[in-house]
Amino acid sequence: MKTLTKETARSLAKVISSRLSTYHSDDLVAILGVGRESSNEAAVESWLISRFAEIDISHVDTIMEHASEVLIQHLNDLRMEVAGGYISELPLPLDFVQSKLITDQELRCIARAIYFLVIGEGAKSYLDSLIYLILDGEGNVIDRIAAWISTKGMVYTYFPSELTLPLAQRLMQKLKRAIESAY
């Protein structure tokens, strides 16, 4: 066993992220990373380093396949958690740690991550239409999700990504209520 080096993680991340199907170049940042990475590739690299600190790097092909499988399963698990109706608590501000207000860039990054988690296997055009219907605001679906997040007056403690899953669950709940009320 050897420690996964940053260089090896970067190379693996480049290949793995090229295999993933996403809508934006930073969909995964607020899901896999801490929310401050600049791209899906950087987020995958952060995830690899945190998940596979000790790894046998003698068989690069098997590492890449195993890491890809684990990542896809992790993303599917998160999507199932969002779709399942379970609601995680939003992190509460801690008295001994200063809270940080979400920047516009972090807000858009979280909005794209939420969209990625909510869309799952569904039809993009259907989800987009539903978002236009239930979320006020101007612009595209990401703009509307970002505007919806900003109404929450969101702050975070450690990383912007700590808000992604609870907010995705809340948006999914709102989408499900809209669908149920239509029938």
Protein backbone atom coordinates (compact mmCIF):
# COMPACT_ATOMS: atom_id res chain seq x y z
CA MET A 1 0.00 0.00 0.00
CA LYS A 2 1.11 3.50 -0.78
CA THR A 3 -0.40 6.86 -0.14
CA LEU A 4 -2.28 8.23 -3.11
CA THR A 5 -0.20 11.13 -4.35
CA LYS A 6 -1.72 14.34 -5.64
CA GLU A 7 -0.21 13.65 -9.07
CA THR A 8 -1.74 10.17 -9.27
CA ALA A 9 -5.08 11.47 -7.99
CA ARG A 10 -4.98 14.24 -10.60
CA SER A 11 -4.34 11.74 -13.40
CA LEU A 12 -7.09 9.42 -12.18
CA ALA A 13 -9.49 12.35 -11.77
CA LYS A 14 -8.86 13.48 -15.34
CA VAL A 15 -9.82 10.08 -16.73
CA ILE A 16 -12.72 9.43 -14.34
CA SER A 17 -14.29 12.87 -14.76
CA SER A 18 -14.10 12.53 -18.56
CA ARG A 19 -16.26 9.40 -18.26
CA LEU A 20 -18.97 11.08 -16.19
CA SER A 21 -22.03 12.56 -17.81
CA THR A 22 -22.80 16.00 -16.39
CA TYR A 23 -24.53 19.13 -17.67
CA HIS A 24 -21.99 21.69 -16.42
CA SER A 25 -18.25 21.63 -15.94
CA ASP A 26 -18.63 22.08 -12.18
CA ASP A 27 -21.76 20.04 -11.28
CA LEU A 28 -19.78 17.86 -8.91
CA VAL A 29 -17.86 20.58 -7.07
CA ALA A 30 -20.40 21.10 -4.29
CA ILE A 31 -21.10 17.36 -4.09
CA LEU A 32 -17.68 15.71 -4.07
CA GLY A 33 -15.39 18.53 -3.10
CA VAL A 34 -15.57 21.15 -0.43
CA GLY A 35 -17.25 23.57 -2.81
CA ARG A 36 -14.20 25.61 -3.64
CA GLU A 37 -12.73 23.51 -6.44
CA SER A 38 -12.92 25.00 -9.91
CA SER A 39 -14.11 22.01 -11.95
CA ASN A 40 -15.53 18.51 -11.85
CA GLU A 41 -12.02 17.20 -12.37
CA ALA A 42 -10.72 19.05 -9.30
CA ALA A 43 -13.72 17.85 -7.27
CA VAL A 44 -13.10 14.23 -8.28
CA GLU A 45 -9.44 14.68 -7.33
CA SER A 46 -10.44 15.96 -3.87
CA TRP A 47 -12.86 13.07 -3.46
CA LEU A 48 -10.22 10.52 -4.50
CA ILE A 49 -7.70 11.90 -2.03
CA SER A 50 -10.22 11.86 0.82
CA ARG A 51 -11.68 8.44 -0.08
CA PHE A 52 -8.58 6.52 -1.16
CA ALA A 53 -5.78 7.89 1.02
CA GLU A 54 -4.13 4.46 1.17
CA ILE A 55 -4.32 2.53 -2.09
CA ASP A 56 -2.34 -0.07 -4.01
CA ILE A 57 -1.19 1.89 -7.05
CA SER A 58 0.63 -1.04 -8.68
CA HIS A 59 -2.38 -1.80 -10.93
CA VAL A 60 -3.53 1.53 -12.37
CA ASP A 61 -6.28 -0.01 -14.53
CA THR A 62 -7.97 -1.75 -11.59
CA ILE A 63 -7.64 1.36 -9.43
CA MET A 64 -9.31 3.46 -12.10
CA GLU A 65 -12.15 0.97 -12.58
CA HIS A 66 -12.66 0.52 -8.84
CA ALA A 67 -12.58 4.26 -8.13
CA SER A 68 -15.01 4.91 -11.01
CA GLU A 69 -17.42 2.28 -9.70
CA VAL A 70 -17.25 3.61 -6.15
CA LEU A 71 -17.79 7.19 -7.34
CA ILE A 72 -20.77 6.28 -9.53
CA GLN A 73 -22.28 4.29 -6.66
CA HIS A 74 -21.72 7.24 -4.30
CA LEU A 75 -23.45 9.64 -6.69
CA ASN A 76 -26.32 7.20 -7.20
CA ASP A 77 -26.68 6.81 -3.42
CA LEU A 78 -26.86 10.58 -3.01
CA ARG A 79 -29.48 10.83 -5.76
CA MET A 80 -31.51 8.09 -4.07
CA GLU A 81 -31.24 9.91 -0.77
CA VAL A 82 -32.55 13.07 -2.44
CA ALA A 83 -35.35 11.21 -4.25
CA GLY A 84 -36.30 9.15 -1.19
CA GLY A 85 -37.87 12.00 0.71
CA TYR A 86 -35.47 11.95 3.64
CA ILE A 87 -34.62 15.45 4.84
CA SER A 88 -31.19 16.14 6.35
CA GLU A 89 -30.89 18.96 8.79
CA LEU A 90 -29.28 22.11 7.55
CA PRO A 91 -26.10 22.72 9.50
CA LEU A 92 -26.60 25.03 12.44
CA PRO A 93 -24.13 27.85 13.03
CA LEU A 94 -21.67 27.05 15.80
CA ASP A 95 -21.00 29.63 18.48
CA PHE A 96 -17.25 29.06 18.41
CA VAL A 97 -16.85 29.13 14.60
CA GLN A 98 -17.63 32.16 12.49
CA SER A 99 -20.30 31.51 9.86
CA LYS A 100 -19.64 32.55 6.29
CA LEU A 101 -22.20 33.96 3.89
CA ILE A 102 -22.45 32.18 0.52
CA THR A 103 -20.81 34.12 -2.30
CA ASP A 104 -22.50 34.39 -5.69
CA GLN A 105 -20.02 31.92 -7.17
CA GLU A 106 -20.64 29.40 -4.36
CA LEU A 107 -24.39 29.93 -4.73
CA ARG A 108 -24.32 29.07 -8.44
CA CYS A 109 -22.04 26.10 -7.79
CA ILE A 110 -24.46 24.71 -5.19
CA ALA A 111 -27.40 25.37 -7.55
CA ARG A 112 -25.73 23.33 -10.31
CA ALA A 113 -24.94 20.53 -7.84
CA ILE A 114 -28.56 20.49 -6.64
CA TYR A 115 -29.79 20.32 -10.22
CA PHE A 116 -27.44 17.39 -10.88
CA LEU A 117 -28.74 15.52 -7.81
CA VAL A 118 -32.40 16.24 -8.47
CA ILE A 119 -32.41 15.37 -12.15
CA GLY A 120 -31.28 11.79 -11.57
CA GLU A 121 -32.58 9.61 -14.35
CA GLY A 122 -35.57 11.85 -15.10
CA ALA A 123 -36.31 13.78 -18.23
CA LYS A 124 -34.47 17.09 -18.29
CA SER A 125 -37.22 18.96 -20.13
CA TYR A 126 -39.86 17.79 -17.64
CA LEU A 127 -37.76 18.81 -14.63
CA ASP A 128 -36.92 22.16 -16.20
CA SER A 129 -40.62 22.86 -16.83
CA LEU A 130 -41.48 21.92 -13.27
CA ILE A 131 -38.76 24.18 -11.88
CA TYR A 132 -40.00 27.07 -14.02
CA LEU A 133 -43.46 26.43 -12.63
CA ILE A 134 -42.62 26.29 -8.92
CA LEU A 135 -39.60 28.57 -8.51
CA ASP A 136 -39.97 32.30 -8.95
CA GLY A 137 -37.31 34.37 -10.60
CA GLU A 138 -35.77 35.17 -13.91
CA GLY A 139 -33.41 33.25 -16.11
CA ASN A 140 -32.73 29.57 -16.60
CA VAL A 141 -33.27 26.74 -14.10
CA ILE A 142 -29.91 27.26 -12.43
CA ASP A 143 -30.69 30.96 -11.96
CA ARG A 144 -34.03 30.04 -10.38
CA ILE A 145 -32.50 27.43 -8.08
CA ALA A 146 -29.83 29.96 -7.05
CA ALA A 147 -32.53 32.57 -6.34
CA TRP A 148 -34.46 30.00 -4.29
CA ILE A 149 -31.33 29.18 -2.27
CA SER A 150 -30.63 32.87 -1.65
CA THR A 151 -34.09 33.30 -0.09
CA LYS A 152 -32.94 30.92 2.60
CA GLY A 153 -30.29 33.43 3.76
CA MET A 154 -27.78 30.63 3.68
CA VAL A 155 -24.58 30.62 5.63
CA TYR A 156 -22.14 27.79 6.12
CA THR A 157 -19.60 26.90 8.76
CA TYR A 158 -16.77 25.00 7.09
CA PHE A 159 -17.46 24.44 3.40
CA PRO A 160 -20.20 25.62 1.04
CA SER A 161 -20.82 22.01 0.04
CA GLU A 162 -22.30 21.22 3.47
CA LEU A 163 -25.50 22.88 2.23
CA THR A 164 -25.89 20.90 -1.00
CA LEU A 165 -27.56 17.69 0.15
CA PRO A 166 -30.08 19.25 2.58
CA LEU A 167 -31.09 21.88 0.01
CA ALA A 168 -31.39 19.28 -2.77
CA GLN A 169 -33.68 17.26 -0.50
CA ARG A 170 -35.82 20.31 0.20
CA LEU A 171 -36.09 21.17 -3.49
CA MET A 172 -37.07 17.57 -4.29
CA GLN A 173 -39.74 17.73 -1.59
CA LYS A 174 -41.06 20.94 -3.15
CA LEU A 175 -41.07 19.33 -6.61
CA LYS A 176 -42.92 16.26 -5.32
CA ARG A 177 -45.57 18.43 -3.64
CA ALA A 178 -46.10 20.28 -6.92
CA ILE A 179 -46.50 17.01 -8.81
CA GLU A 180 -48.94 15.63 -6.20
CA SER A 181 -51.04 18.78 -6.21
CA ALA A 182 -51.36 18.57 -10.00
CA TYR A 183 -53.09 15.21 -9.69
